[in-house]
C-alpha atoms as a PDB file:
ATOM      1  CA  MET A   1     -41.715 114.038 206.961  1.00  0.00           C
ATOM      2  CA  ALA A   2     -44.616 112.750 209.046  1.00  0.00           C
ATOM      3  CA  ARG A   3     -47.911 112.553 207.239  1.00  0.00           C
ATOM      4  CA  THR A   4     -50.624 114.865 208.499  1.00  0.00           C
ATOM      5  CA  PRO A   5     -53.564 112.835 209.859  1.00  0.00           C
ATOM      6  CA  VAL A   6     -56.875 113.231 208.057  1.00  0.00           C
ATOM      7  CA  VAL A   7     -59.564 114.822 210.185  1.00  0.00           C
ATOM      8  CA  ASN A   8     -62.237 112.295 211.033  1.00  0.00           C
ATOM      9  CA  LEU A   9     -65.351 114.408 210.672  1.00  0.00           C
ATOM     10  CA  SER A  10     -67.471 111.600 212.100  1.00  0.00           C
ATOM     11  CA  VAL A  11     -65.413 111.542 215.335  1.00  0.00           C
ATOM     12  CA  ALA A  12     -65.877 107.815 215.726  1.00  0.00           C
ATOM     13  CA  ALA A  13     -66.292 105.976 219.011  1.00  0.00           C
ATOM     14  CA  ILE A  14     -68.180 108.677 220.872  1.00  0.00           C
ATOM     15  CA  GLN A  15     -71.380 108.250 222.810  1.00  0.00           C
ATOM     16  CA  LYS A  16     -74.680 110.083 222.616  1.00  0.00           C
ATOM     17  CA  ASN A  17     -74.864 113.450 224.277  1.00  0.00           C
ATOM     18  CA  ARG A  18     -77.970 115.459 225.113  1.00  0.00           C
ATOM     19  CA  VAL A  19     -76.191 118.786 225.610  1.00  0.00           C
ATOM     20  CA  GLY A  20     -77.370 121.297 223.029  1.00  0.00           C
ATOM     21  CA  VAL A  21     -80.508 122.908 221.759  1.00  0.00           C
ATOM     22  CA  GLU A  22     -83.242 123.670 224.275  1.00  0.00           C
ATOM     23  CA  GLN A  23     -86.799 123.402 222.980  1.00  0.00           C
ATOM     24  CA  LYS A  24     -89.462 125.836 224.123  1.00  0.00           C
ATOM     25  CA  SER A  25     -92.693 125.070 222.304  1.00  0.00           C
ATOM     26  CA  ALA A  26     -93.784 124.028 218.839  1.00  0.00           C
ATOM     27  CA  SER A  27     -94.809 127.576 218.015  1.00  0.00           C
ATOM     28  CA  GLN A  28     -91.831 129.356 219.556  1.00  0.00           C
ATOM     29  CA  GLY A  29     -89.079 126.975 218.470  1.00  0.00           C
ATOM     30  CA  PHE A  30     -85.902 127.425 220.498  1.00  0.00           C
ATOM     31  CA  VAL A  31     -84.763 129.290 223.552  1.00  0.00           C
ATOM     32  CA  TYR A  32     -82.340 131.926 222.291  1.00  0.00           C
ATOM     33  CA  THR A  33     -80.972 132.897 225.677  1.00  0.00           C
ATOM     34  CA  ASN A  34     -77.698 134.683 226.457  1.00  0.00           C
ATOM     35  CA  PHE A  35     -77.287 136.024 222.936  1.00  0.00           C
ATOM     36  CA  PRO A  36     -79.024 138.973 221.243  1.00  0.00           C
ATOM     37  CA  VAL A  37     -81.220 137.709 218.397  1.00  0.00           C
ATOM     38  CA  SER A  38     -81.541 140.117 215.509  1.00  0.00           C
ATOM     39  CA  PRO A  39     -85.210 141.177 215.281  1.00  0.00           C
ATOM     40  CA  GLU A  40     -84.821 141.947 211.571  1.00  0.00           C
ATOM     41  CA  ARG A  41     -83.987 138.350 210.675  1.00  0.00           C
ATOM     42  CA  GLU A  42     -86.099 135.227 210.730  1.00  0.00           C
ATOM     43  CA  THR A  43     -84.404 132.406 212.558  1.00  0.00           C
ATOM     44  CA  PRO A  44     -83.712 128.930 211.172  1.00  0.00           C
ATOM     45  CA  HIS A  45     -86.080 126.213 212.337  1.00  0.00           C
ATOM     46  CA  LEU A  46     -85.415 122.627 213.252  1.00  0.00           C
ATOM     47  CA  VAL A  47     -86.219 119.903 210.749  1.00  0.00           C
ATOM     48  CA  GLY A  48     -84.095 117.100 212.247  1.00  0.00           C
ATOM     49  CA  PRO A  49     -83.156 115.665 215.665  1.00  0.00           C
ATOM     50  CA  SER A  50     -83.609 118.147 218.512  1.00  0.00           C
ATOM     51  CA  SER A  51     -80.144 117.646 219.977  1.00  0.00           C
ATOM     52  CA  PHE A  52     -76.634 117.019 218.793  1.00  0.00           C
ATOM     53  CA  GLN A  53     -76.144 113.279 219.150  1.00  0.00           C
ATOM     54  CA  LYS A  54     -72.410 113.126 219.755  1.00  0.00           C
ATOM     55  CA  GLU A  55     -70.142 113.700 222.708  1.00  0.00           C
ATOM     56  CA  ILE A  56     -67.676 116.530 222.419  1.00  0.00           C
ATOM     57  CA  THR A  57     -64.549 117.007 224.503  1.00  0.00           C
ATOM     58  CA  ALA A  58     -64.771 120.815 224.309  1.00  0.00           C
ATOM     59  CA  GLN A  59     -65.507 122.315 227.714  1.00  0.00           C
ATOM     60  CA  SER A  60     -67.517 125.122 226.097  1.00  0.00           C
ATOM     61  CA  ALA A  61     -69.133 125.235 222.671  1.00  0.00           C
ATOM     62  CA  LEU A  62     -71.575 127.385 220.745  1.00  0.00           C
ATOM     63  CA  VAL A  63     -73.199 127.383 217.320  1.00  0.00           C
ATOM     64  CA  ILE A  64     -75.127 130.440 216.142  1.00  0.00           C
ATOM     65  CA  ASP A  65     -76.753 131.498 212.911  1.00  0.00           C
ATOM     66  CA  SER A  66     -74.639 134.354 211.546  1.00  0.00           C
ATOM     67  CA  ALA A  67     -77.608 136.230 210.108  1.00  0.00           C
ATOM     68  CA  SER A  68     -79.960 136.225 213.107  1.00  0.00           C
ATOM     69  CA  ASN A  69     -77.641 135.340 216.030  1.00  0.00           C
ATOM     70  CA  ALA A  70     -80.014 132.502 216.910  1.00  0.00           C
ATOM     71  CA  VAL A  71     -78.344 129.914 219.153  1.00  0.00           C
ATOM     72  CA  LEU A  72     -78.552 126.435 217.622  1.00  0.00           C
ATOM     73  CA  PHE A  73     -76.285 124.629 220.087  1.00  0.00           C
ATOM     74  CA  LYS A  74     -74.730 125.582 223.389  1.00  0.00           C
ATOM     75  CA  LYS A  75     -72.585 124.050 226.102  1.00  0.00           C
ATOM     76  CA  ASN A  76     -71.278 126.121 229.013  1.00  0.00           C
ATOM     77  CA  ILE A  77     -71.319 129.233 226.844  1.00  0.00           C
ATOM     78  CA  ASP A  78     -70.896 131.636 229.780  1.00  0.00           C
ATOM     79  CA  GLU A  79     -67.991 129.790 231.425  1.00  0.00           C
ATOM     80  CA  VAL A  80     -64.996 132.147 231.593  1.00  0.00           C
ATOM     81  CA  ARG A  81     -61.890 130.434 230.222  1.00  0.00           C
ATOM     82  CA  PRO A  82     -58.466 131.217 228.734  1.00  0.00           C
ATOM     83  CA  ILE A  83     -58.728 131.334 224.926  1.00  0.00           C
ATOM     84  CA  GLY A  84     -55.108 131.283 223.756  1.00  0.00           C
ATOM     85  CA  SER A  85     -54.437 132.795 220.342  1.00  0.00           C
ATOM     86  CA  ILE A  86     -58.079 133.551 219.599  1.00  0.00           C
ATOM     87  CA  THR A  87     -56.965 136.694 221.457  1.00  0.00           C
ATOM     88  CA  LYS A  88     -55.250 137.732 218.210  1.00  0.00           C
ATOM     89  CA  LEU A  89     -58.642 138.624 216.702  1.00  0.00           C
ATOM     90  CA  ILE A  90     -59.238 141.423 219.229  1.00  0.00           C
ATOM     91  CA  THR A  91     -55.609 142.470 218.705  1.00  0.00           C
ATOM     92  CA  ALA A  92     -56.168 142.706 214.949  1.00  0.00           C
ATOM     93  CA  LEU A  93     -59.336 144.764 215.397  1.00  0.00           C
ATOM     94  CA  THR A  94     -57.509 147.101 217.773  1.00  0.00           C
ATOM     95  CA  VAL A  95     -54.665 147.626 215.292  1.00  0.00           C
ATOM     96  CA  ILE A  96     -57.087 148.268 212.428  1.00  0.00           C
ATOM     97  CA  ASP A  97     -58.860 150.919 214.496  1.00  0.00           C
ATOM     98  CA  LEU A  98     -55.528 152.744 214.793  1.00  0.00           C
ATOM     99  CA  LYS A  99     -55.364 153.026 210.977  1.00  0.00           C
ATOM    100  CA  PRO A 100     -51.698 152.117 210.462  1.00  0.00           C
ATOM    101  CA  ASN A 101     -49.713 152.550 207.270  1.00  0.00           C
ATOM    102  CA  TRP A 102     -49.707 148.915 206.148  1.00  0.00           C
ATOM    103  CA  ASN A 103     -46.656 149.487 203.935  1.00  0.00           C
ATOM    104  CA  GLU A 104     -44.501 150.861 206.755  1.00  0.00           C
ATOM    105  CA  LEU A 105     -41.522 148.638 207.583  1.00  0.00           C
ATOM    106  CA  VAL A 106     -40.754 147.168 211.012  1.00  0.00           C
ATOM    107  CA  THR A 107     -37.612 145.383 212.199  1.00  0.00           C
ATOM    108  CA  ILE A 108     -38.231 142.255 214.269  1.00  0.00           C
ATOM    109  CA  GLU A 109     -36.480 142.494 217.642  1.00  0.00           C
ATOM    110  CA  SER A 110     -35.528 139.826 220.158  1.00  0.00           C
ATOM    111  CA  LYS A 111     -37.955 141.330 222.660  1.00  0.00           C
ATOM    112  CA  ASP A 112     -40.804 140.386 220.309  1.00  0.00           C
ATOM    113  CA  GLY A 113     -40.391 136.851 221.645  1.00  0.00           C
ATOM    114  CA  THR A 114     -39.398 133.358 220.614  1.00  0.00           C
ATOM    115  CA  GLN A 115     -42.472 131.281 221.501  1.00  0.00           C
ATOM    116  CA  GLY A 116     -44.541 129.616 218.829  1.00  0.00           C
ATOM    117  CA  PRO A 117     -43.891 129.482 215.067  1.00  0.00           C
ATOM    118  CA  LEU A 118     -41.044 131.856 214.151  1.00  0.00           C
ATOM    119  CA  VAL A 119     -42.022 132.699 210.601  1.00  0.00           C
ATOM    120  CA  VAL A 120     -40.332 136.065 211.130  1.00  0.00           C
ATOM    121  CA  GLN A 121     -36.993 136.181 212.910  1.00  0.00           C
ATOM    122  CA  THR A 122     -34.939 138.730 214.791  1.00  0.00           C
ATOM    123  CA  GLY A 123     -33.435 141.210 212.323  1.00  0.00           C
ATOM    124  CA  ASP A 124     -36.056 140.666 209.614  1.00  0.00           C
ATOM    125  CA  VAL A 125     -37.544 143.822 208.124  1.00  0.00           C
ATOM    126  CA  VAL A 126     -41.218 143.242 207.322  1.00  0.00           C
ATOM    127  CA  SER A 127     -44.183 145.467 206.413  1.00  0.00           C
ATOM    128  CA  ILE A 128     -46.904 146.085 208.971  1.00  0.00           C
ATOM    129  CA  GLY A 129     -49.409 144.478 206.604  1.00  0.00           C
ATOM    130  CA  ASP A 130     -47.315 141.327 206.400  1.00  0.00           C
ATOM    131  CA  LEU A 131     -47.025 141.208 210.193  1.00  0.00           C
ATOM    132  CA  LEU A 132     -50.834 141.210 210.463  1.00  0.00           C
ATOM    133  CA  ARG A 133     -51.151 138.421 207.903  1.00  0.00           C
ATOM    134  CA  VAL A 134     -48.390 136.273 209.395  1.00  0.00           C
ATOM    135  CA  GLY A 135     -49.771 136.859 212.885  1.00  0.00           C
ATOM    136  CA  LEU A 136     -53.226 135.622 211.939  1.00  0.00           C
ATOM    137  CA  VAL A 137     -52.406 132.930 209.368  1.00  0.00           C
ATOM    138  CA  ALA A 138     -49.586 131.206 211.274  1.00  0.00           C
ATOM    139  CA  SER A 139     -50.664 132.484 214.705  1.00  0.00           C
ATOM    140  CA  SER A 140     -47.150 133.907 215.031  1.00  0.00           C
ATOM    141  CA  ASN A 141     -46.603 135.465 218.436  1.00  0.00           C
ATOM    142  CA  ASN A 142     -43.528 137.505 217.598  1.00  0.00           C
ATOM    143  CA  ALA A 143     -45.240 138.871 214.476  1.00  0.00           C
ATOM    144  CA  ILE A 144     -48.147 140.023 216.642  1.00  0.00           C
ATOM    145  CA  SER A 145     -45.773 141.525 219.215  1.00  0.00           C
ATOM    146  CA  ALA A 146     -43.954 143.468 216.487  1.00  0.00           C
ATOM    147  CA  LEU A 147     -47.300 144.519 215.014  1.00  0.00           C
ATOM    148  CA  THR A 148     -48.491 146.002 218.288  1.00  0.00           C
ATOM    149  CA  ARG A 149     -45.100 147.626 218.876  1.00  0.00           C
ATOM    150  CA  SER A 150     -45.399 149.301 215.456  1.00  0.00           C
ATOM    151  CA  THR A 151     -48.407 151.282 216.699  1.00  0.00           C
ATOM    152  CA  GLY A 152     -46.143 153.390 218.898  1.00  0.00           C
ATOM    153  CA  LEU A 153     -48.160 152.528 221.979  1.00  0.00           C
ATOM    154  CA  THR A 154     -46.629 150.893 225.016  1.00  0.00           C
ATOM    155  CA  ARG A 155     -47.719 147.308 225.649  1.00  0.00           C
ATOM    156  CA  GLU A 156     -49.791 148.544 228.596  1.00  0.00           C
ATOM    157  CA  ASP A 157     -51.525 151.245 226.553  1.00  0.00           C
ATOM    158  CA  PHE A 158     -52.235 148.824 223.723  1.00  0.00           C
ATOM    159  CA  VAL A 159     -53.849 146.377 226.165  1.00  0.00           C
ATOM    160  CA  VAL A 160     -56.041 149.218 227.454  1.00  0.00           C
ATOM    161  CA  ARG A 161     -57.182 149.755 223.856  1.00  0.00           C
ATOM    162  CA  MET A 162     -57.863 146.028 223.491  1.00  0.00           C
ATOM    163  CA  ASN A 163     -60.136 146.017 226.515  1.00  0.00           C
ATOM    164  CA  GLU A 164     -61.868 149.196 225.368  1.00  0.00           C
ATOM    165  CA  LYS A 165     -62.524 147.532 222.016  1.00  0.00           C
ATOM    166  CA  ALA A 166     -63.831 144.428 223.771  1.00  0.00           C
ATOM    167  CA  ALA A 167     -66.210 146.568 225.842  1.00  0.00           C
ATOM    168  CA  ALA A 168     -67.405 148.388 222.710  1.00  0.00           C
ATOM    169  CA  LEU A 169     -68.207 145.016 221.108  1.00  0.00           C
ATOM    170  CA  GLY A 170     -70.196 143.918 224.150  1.00  0.00           C
ATOM    171  CA  LEU A 171     -67.682 141.301 225.289  1.00  0.00           C
ATOM    172  CA  SER A 172     -68.764 141.768 228.887  1.00  0.00           C
ATOM    173  CA  ALA A 173     -67.109 138.611 230.258  1.00  0.00           C
ATOM    174  CA  SER A 174     -63.772 139.091 228.481  1.00  0.00           C
ATOM    175  CA  HIS A 175     -60.522 140.539 229.761  1.00  0.00           C
ATOM    176  CA  PHE A 176     -57.125 140.756 228.096  1.00  0.00           C
ATOM    177  CA  VAL A 177     -53.671 141.347 229.576  1.00  0.00           C
ATOM    178  CA  GLU A 178     -51.474 141.013 226.462  1.00  0.00           C
ATOM    179  CA  PRO A 179     -51.977 140.776 222.665  1.00  0.00           C
ATOM    180  CA  THR A 180     -50.721 137.306 221.665  1.00  0.00           C
ATOM    181  CA  GLY A 181     -52.818 134.909 223.754  1.00  0.00           C
ATOM    182  CA  LEU A 182     -49.853 133.373 225.567  1.00  0.00           C
ATOM    183  CA  ASP A 183     -51.039 134.553 228.988  1.00  0.00           C
ATOM    184  CA  LYS A 184     -53.671 132.451 230.761  1.00  0.00           C
ATOM    185  CA  GLU A 185     -55.265 135.650 232.057  1.00  0.00           C
ATOM    186  CA  ASN A 186     -56.551 136.451 228.577  1.00  0.00           C
ATOM    187  CA  LYS A 187     -60.043 135.122 229.244  1.00  0.00           C
ATOM    188  CA  SER A 188     -63.412 135.023 227.545  1.00  0.00           C
ATOM    189  CA  THR A 189     -66.487 132.847 227.049  1.00  0.00           C
ATOM    190  CA  ALA A 190     -67.856 130.957 224.067  1.00  0.00           C
ATOM    191  CA  SER A 191     -70.623 133.548 223.872  1.00  0.00           C
ATOM    192  CA  ASP A 192     -68.158 136.446 223.794  1.00  0.00           C
ATOM    193  CA  VAL A 193     -65.879 134.665 221.325  1.00  0.00           C
ATOM    194  CA  ALA A 194     -68.813 134.275 218.929  1.00  0.00           C
ATOM    195  CA  ARG A 195     -69.409 138.016 219.126  1.00  0.00           C
ATOM    196  CA  LEU A 196     -65.704 138.610 218.562  1.00  0.00           C
ATOM    197  CA  VAL A 197     -65.670 136.346 215.504  1.00  0.00           C
ATOM    198  CA  SER A 198     -68.715 138.133 214.086  1.00  0.00           C
ATOM    199  CA  ALA A 199     -67.039 141.530 214.502  1.00  0.00           C
ATOM    200  CA  ALA A 200     -63.641 140.371 213.244  1.00  0.00           C
ATOM    201  CA  PHE A 201     -64.979 138.654 210.135  1.00  0.00           C
ATOM    202  CA  ALA A 202     -67.072 141.720 209.335  1.00  0.00           C
ATOM    203  CA  GLU A 203     -63.686 143.304 208.560  1.00  0.00           C
ATOM    204  CA  GLU A 204     -62.914 142.308 204.983  1.00  0.00           C
ATOM    205  CA  GLU A 205     -59.150 142.093 205.526  1.00  0.00           C
ATOM    206  CA  ILE A 206     -59.421 139.854 208.597  1.00  0.00           C
ATOM    207  CA  ARG A 207     -61.943 137.638 206.840  1.00  0.00           C
ATOM    208  CA  ARG A 208     -59.636 137.343 203.823  1.00  0.00           C
ATOM    209  CA  ILE A 209     -56.560 136.598 205.927  1.00  0.00           C
ATOM    210  CA  THR A 210     -58.251 133.945 208.073  1.00  0.00           C
ATOM    211  CA  SER A 211     -59.389 132.106 204.942  1.00  0.00           C
ATOM    212  CA  MET A 212     -55.820 131.699 203.627  1.00  0.00           C
ATOM    213  CA  THR A 213     -54.247 128.255 203.763  1.00  0.00           C
ATOM    214  CA  SER A 214     -50.843 129.954 203.470  1.00  0.00           C
ATOM    215  CA  TYR A 215     -49.309 133.356 202.876  1.00  0.00           C
ATOM    216  CA  LYS A 216     -46.061 134.115 201.056  1.00  0.00           C
ATOM    217  CA  PHE A 217     -44.231 137.347 201.781  1.00  0.00           C
ATOM    218  CA  ARG A 218     -40.831 138.976 201.253  1.00  0.00           C
ATOM    219  CA  VAL A 219     -38.367 139.898 203.974  1.00  0.00           C
ATOM    220  CA  ARG A 220     -37.339 143.338 202.783  1.00  0.00           C
ATOM    221  CA  ASN A 221     -33.749 143.499 204.002  1.00  0.00           C
ATOM    222  CA  THR A 222     -32.742 140.077 202.657  1.00  0.00           C
ATOM    223  CA  ASN A 223     -35.154 139.820 199.717  1.00  0.00           C
ATOM    224  CA  LYS A 224     -35.903 136.247 200.801  1.00  0.00           C
ATOM    225  CA  MET A 225     -39.378 134.799 200.509  1.00  0.00           C
ATOM    226  CA  ARG A 226     -41.047 133.168 203.503  1.00  0.00           C
ATOM    227  CA  VAL A 227     -44.261 131.199 203.783  1.00  0.00           C
ATOM    228  CA  ALA A 228     -46.698 131.334 206.699  1.00  0.00           C
ATOM    229  CA  ARG A 229     -48.933 128.267 206.847  1.00  0.00           C
ATOM    230  CA  SER A 230     -52.352 128.351 208.425  1.00  0.00           C
ATOM    231  CA  THR A 231     -52.996 126.650 211.748  1.00  0.00           C
ATOM    232  CA  ASP A 232     -56.623 126.108 210.648  1.00  0.00           C
ATOM    233  CA  LEU A 233     -56.799 122.500 209.477  1.00  0.00           C
ATOM    234  CA  LEU A 234     -60.336 122.847 208.138  1.00  0.00           C
ATOM    235  CA  LEU A 235     -59.258 125.272 205.419  1.00  0.00           C
ATOM    236  CA  SER A 236     -57.448 122.467 203.610  1.00  0.00           C
ATOM    237  CA  THR A 237     -59.469 119.385 204.485  1.00  0.00           C
ATOM    238  CA  SER A 238     -61.230 117.467 201.723  1.00  0.00           C
ATOM    239  CA  GLY A 239     -63.638 115.776 204.127  1.00  0.00           C
ATOM    240  CA  PHE A 240     -66.475 118.236 203.581  1.00  0.00           C
ATOM    241  CA  ALA A 241     -67.653 116.390 200.462  1.00  0.00           C
ATOM    242  CA  ARG A 242     -69.736 114.111 202.694  1.00  0.00           C
ATOM    243  CA  THR A 243     -71.203 116.904 204.813  1.00  0.00           C
ATOM    244  CA  ALA A 244     -73.474 119.915 204.428  1.00  0.00           C
ATOM    245  CA  ILE A 245     -70.526 122.306 204.793  1.00  0.00           C
ATOM    246  CA  ALA A 246     -69.635 124.125 201.587  1.00  0.00           C
ATOM    247  CA  ARG A 247     -66.606 125.996 202.912  1.00  0.00           C
ATOM    248  CA  VAL A 248     -64.948 127.614 205.889  1.00  0.00           C
ATOM    249  CA  VAL A 249     -65.284 131.393 205.577  1.00  0.00           C
ATOM    250  CA  GLY A 250     -62.519 131.942 208.131  1.00  0.00           C
ATOM    251  CA  GLY A 251     -61.219 130.571 211.402  1.00  0.00           C
ATOM    252  CA  LYS A 252     -58.809 131.123 214.268  1.00  0.00           C
ATOM    253  CA  THR A 253     -57.123 128.586 216.493  1.00  0.00           C
ATOM    254  CA  GLY A 254     -55.935 128.969 220.064  1.00  0.00           C
ATOM    255  CA  PHE A 255     -53.900 126.864 222.466  1.00  0.00           C
ATOM    256  CA  ILE A 256     -52.054 127.140 225.736  1.00  0.00           C
ATOM    257  CA  ASP A 257     -52.022 124.464 228.424  1.00  0.00           C
ATOM    258  CA  GLU A 258     -54.572 126.296 230.559  1.00  0.00           C
ATOM    259  CA  ALA A 259     -56.962 126.870 227.638  1.00  0.00           C
ATOM    260  CA  GLY A 260     -56.837 123.486 225.983  1.00  0.00           C
ATOM    261  CA  TYR A 261     -57.375 123.317 222.239  1.00  0.00           C
ATOM    262  CA  CYS A 262     -59.661 126.074 220.979  1.00  0.00           C
ATOM    263  CA  PHE A 263     -61.114 126.966 217.601  1.00  0.00           C
ATOM    264  CA  ALA A 264     -63.609 129.497 216.287  1.00  0.00           C
ATOM    265  CA  MET A 265     -64.836 129.693 212.722  1.00  0.00           C
ATOM    266  CA  GLU A 266     -67.531 130.885 210.389  1.00  0.00           C
ATOM    267  CA  ALA A 267     -68.753 128.185 208.011  1.00  0.00           C
ATOM    268  CA  GLU A 268     -70.981 128.407 204.971  1.00  0.00           C
ATOM    269  CA  GLY A 269     -73.584 125.840 203.931  1.00  0.00           C
ATOM    270  CA  THR A 270     -74.569 124.734 200.467  1.00  0.00           C
ATOM    271  CA  LYS A 271     -77.380 127.315 200.355  1.00  0.00           C
ATOM    272  CA  LYS A 272     -75.079 130.178 201.371  1.00  0.00           C
ATOM    273  CA  GLN A 273     -76.340 130.146 204.972  1.00  0.00           C
ATOM    274  CA  ARG A 274     -73.639 130.789 207.557  1.00  0.00           C
ATOM    275  CA  LEU A 275     -72.854 129.669 211.085  1.00  0.00           C
ATOM    276  CA  ILE A 276     -70.391 130.780 213.719  1.00  0.00           C
ATOM    277  CA  VAL A 277     -68.972 127.800 215.625  1.00  0.00           C
ATOM    278  CA  VAL A 278     -66.872 128.071 218.789  1.00  0.00           C
ATOM    279  CA  VAL A 279     -65.194 125.215 220.658  1.00  0.00           C
ATOM    280  CA  LEU A 280     -63.063 125.956 223.723  1.00  0.00           C
ATOM    281  CA  GLY A 281     -60.999 123.483 225.713  1.00  0.00           C
ATOM    282  CA  SER A 282     -61.108 120.468 223.404  1.00  0.00           C
ATOM    283  CA  HIS A 283     -59.004 117.467 224.347  1.00  0.00           C
ATOM    284  CA  ASP A 284     -56.431 117.610 221.560  1.00  0.00           C
ATOM    285  CA  HIS A 285     -55.350 119.327 218.360  1.00  0.00           C
ATOM    286  CA  TRP A 286     -57.474 117.183 216.064  1.00  0.00           C
ATOM    287  CA  SER A 287     -60.599 117.052 218.256  1.00  0.00           C
ATOM    288  CA  ARG A 288     -61.232 120.795 218.090  1.00  0.00           C
ATOM    289  CA  PHE A 289     -61.457 120.689 214.300  1.00  0.00           C
ATOM    290  CA  ALA A 290     -63.489 117.487 214.172  1.00  0.00           C
ATOM    291  CA  GLU A 291     -65.925 118.751 216.804  1.00  0.00           C
ATOM    292  CA  ALA A 292     -66.363 122.130 215.116  1.00  0.00           C
ATOM    293  CA  ALA A 293     -66.927 120.436 211.754  1.00  0.00           C
ATOM    294  CA  ASP A 294     -69.404 117.956 213.229  1.00  0.00           C
ATOM    295  CA  LEU A 295     -71.358 120.724 214.954  1.00  0.00           C
ATOM    296  CA  ALA A 296     -71.532 122.780 211.766  1.00  0.00           C
ATOM    297  CA  ALA A 297     -72.537 119.793 209.628  1.00  0.00           C
ATOM    298  CA  TRP A 298     -75.242 118.827 212.137  1.00  0.00           C
ATOM    299  CA  ALA A 299     -76.685 122.342 212.178  1.00  0.00           C
ATOM    300  CA  PHE A 300     -76.689 122.687 208.400  1.00  0.00           C
ATOM    301  CA  LYS A 301     -78.420 119.311 208.012  1.00  0.00           C
ATOM    302  CA  ASN A 302     -80.961 119.668 210.804  1.00  0.00           C
ATOM    303  CA  PHE A 303     -82.057 123.289 210.491  1.00  0.00           C
ATOM    304  CA  GLU A 304     -83.801 124.996 207.629  1.00  0.00           C
ATOM    305  CA  TRP A 305     -83.124 128.633 206.818  1.00  0.00           C
ATOM    306  CA  PRO A 306     -85.718 130.994 205.361  1.00  0.00           C
ATOM    307  CA  SER A 307     -84.269 131.810 201.932  1.00  0.00           C
ATOM    308  CA  LYS A 308     -84.316 135.528 202.523  1.00  0.00           C
ATOM    309  CA  THR A 309     -82.162 135.224 205.655  1.00  0.00           C
ATOM    310  CA  ALA A 310     -79.389 133.133 204.107  1.00  0.00           C
ATOM    311  CA  LEU A 311     -76.401 135.358 203.363  1.00  0.00           C
ATOM    312  CA  GLY A 312     -76.216 135.904 199.670  1.00  0.00           C
ATOM    313  CA  GLY A 313     -79.842 134.745 199.281  1.00  0.00           C
END
């Protein structure tokens, strides 16, 4: 079996880049444009270099403080792009709103698809709860298709609900045409994806699922155990020991050819402060994780959070 490469959190051999934080004045700090800053929260202030000093391959990227929504880094955050399987977060929120019986059983059908990791297979009988977990952990497309089918809605009606949910969350630049992320017409922006991540991870079950490195479940009609393994490399990396990142709260990957390699996560620092990091359109599988980790580590090291605004503080 091929050995999994270790993520190089330093992303060696990249040049300086001045894209990032925009300074306003010494008294006002940073320009928090294009994102609603929470008036109840003090924002982190810069104590290190005023810009991220590395080049990133991501076509769009955003780092915000989870508590205040303050923008700490941005690159093309309003550029509308395909987002691949990050779409599954809005799908999960839409399903949760429908209040399903998580213990109800569903039979996987051939029409649920064959693209992507087939953790569940045609003929398997699986609970709705397990379909949600497999769909998010392994980014399984047929699990998500079966999950949406279990709602009793047609695919078209479910997509209408997805777009209504997106509108309710303020995702004004986003539009979805199907629930898996396979279609290039599922589009959003880094700014909207950050809002989506914030809303999705506010749901305890989604936050718990997207923090799992793997998930074991039972196929009910065969009594066989299956394992869904996370597509989020940063959940299992040991490279954080040399950074200011304490842990990844949760994350979701996305990829189709038209989207490039995408990743969105919430990360926690050593003082319990949290960031949402979005990278869209990175060059390759490994770059998206390295770039997200580098951005988070830079923000944690170069900004200081008022203690009362750090989550858990």
